[in-house]
Amino acid sequence: MKKYICVTIEDKIEASGNDYNKGFRKCRTKELAQEIEDICNDNDEKGYDLVSIVPILQGEHVVISNDGAWANSTTEGVIITFKAR
């Protein structure tokens, strides 16, 4: 048994928006939360304790008009670290 293990969950984003703003992306939070729960319970049964859950963020800059712009960051997934008991 390894002392530490890391698990990644990726690609939990989807495009959304309208004709004006097609580049907006959002996290599929319910799907991500369920997957985190499943992985944590599975590794608990294998004898590992949760150490941390770190979000994977993706920055994005979208121009709205010639006069201004806005930016956001979207949670794309997580890195989960476990330690053997």
Protein backbone atom coordinates (compact mmCIF):
# COMPACT_ATOMS: atom_id res chain seq x y z
CA MET A 1 0.00 0.00 0.00
CA LYS A 2 1.32 3.43 -0.92
CA LYS A 3 1.52 6.00 1.84
CA TYR A 4 -0.05 8.78 -0.31
CA ILE A 5 -2.18 8.66 -3.43
CA CYS A 6 -3.60 11.45 -5.60
CA VAL A 7 -6.67 11.18 -7.80
CA THR A 8 -7.71 13.73 -10.40
CA ILE A 9 -11.17 14.47 -11.72
CA GLU A 10 -11.08 16.47 -14.95
CA ASP A 11 -13.29 17.88 -17.68
CA LYS A 12 -16.27 18.78 -15.51
CA ILE A 13 -17.10 21.91 -17.53
CA GLU A 14 -19.67 22.66 -20.19
CA ALA A 15 -20.13 25.55 -22.56
CA SER A 16 -23.16 27.73 -22.03
CA GLY A 17 -24.33 31.13 -23.10
CA ASN A 18 -26.28 32.68 -25.92
CA ASP A 19 -25.45 34.03 -29.37
CA TYR A 20 -23.85 37.09 -27.76
CA ASN A 21 -21.66 35.12 -25.35
CA LYS A 22 -20.91 31.58 -26.56
CA GLY A 23 -17.63 31.32 -24.65
CA PHE A 24 -19.04 31.15 -21.12
CA ARG A 25 -18.25 27.89 -19.33
CA LYS A 26 -19.62 26.48 -16.11
CA CYS A 27 -18.77 23.56 -13.85
CA ARG A 28 -21.11 20.56 -13.77
CA THR A 29 -21.21 20.77 -9.97
CA LYS A 30 -23.66 17.96 -9.22
CA GLU A 31 -21.67 15.51 -11.34
CA LEU A 32 -18.39 16.66 -9.79
CA ALA A 33 -19.75 16.40 -6.24
CA GLN A 34 -21.04 12.86 -6.85
CA GLU A 35 -17.72 11.76 -8.30
CA ILE A 36 -15.82 13.25 -5.33
CA GLU A 37 -18.16 11.44 -2.93
CA ASP A 38 -17.70 8.12 -4.74
CA ILE A 39 -13.91 8.41 -4.84
CA CYS A 40 -13.69 9.42 -1.17
CA ASN A 41 -15.90 6.55 -0.03
CA ASP A 42 -14.02 4.06 -2.21
CA ASN A 43 -10.62 5.12 -0.85
CA ASP A 44 -11.91 5.15 2.73
CA GLU A 45 -12.89 1.50 2.29
CA LYS A 46 -9.35 0.82 0.99
CA GLY A 47 -7.81 2.27 4.17
CA TYR A 48 -7.03 5.84 3.13
CA ASP A 49 -7.92 9.10 4.89
CA LEU A 50 -8.68 12.26 2.96
CA VAL A 51 -5.91 14.88 3.15
CA SER A 52 -7.10 17.56 0.72
CA ILE A 53 -9.29 18.45 -2.23
CA VAL A 54 -7.78 21.17 -4.43
CA PRO A 55 -9.75 22.74 -7.29
CA ILE A 56 -8.33 22.86 -10.81
CA LEU A 57 -9.23 26.30 -12.14
CA GLN A 58 -9.16 27.54 -15.68
CA GLY A 59 -8.99 31.28 -16.27
CA GLU A 60 -10.86 32.82 -19.16
CA HIS A 61 -11.05 36.32 -20.61
CA VAL A 62 -13.99 37.21 -22.81
CA VAL A 63 -14.38 40.57 -24.57
CA ILE A 64 -17.92 41.89 -24.39
CA SER A 65 -17.52 45.13 -26.36
CA ASN A 66 -14.91 47.60 -27.54
CA ASP A 67 -15.39 49.54 -24.30
CA GLY A 68 -14.75 46.76 -21.82
CA ALA A 69 -14.24 43.15 -20.98
CA TRP A 70 -14.64 40.71 -18.16
CA ALA A 71 -12.85 37.62 -16.99
CA ASN A 72 -13.74 34.62 -14.91
CA SER A 73 -12.27 31.36 -13.73
CA THR A 74 -14.11 28.07 -13.87
CA THR A 75 -13.60 25.00 -11.70
CA GLU A 76 -12.59 22.37 -14.20
CA GLY A 77 -12.02 19.53 -11.76
CA VAL A 78 -10.15 18.64 -8.56
CA ILE A 79 -7.05 16.90 -7.26
CA ILE A 80 -7.82 14.70 -4.25
CA THR A 81 -5.02 13.51 -1.96
CA PHE A 82 -5.33 10.57 0.44
CA LYS A 83 -2.97 9.16 3.10
CA ALA A 84 -2.87 5.58 4.29
CA ARG A 85 -4.06 5.05 7.85
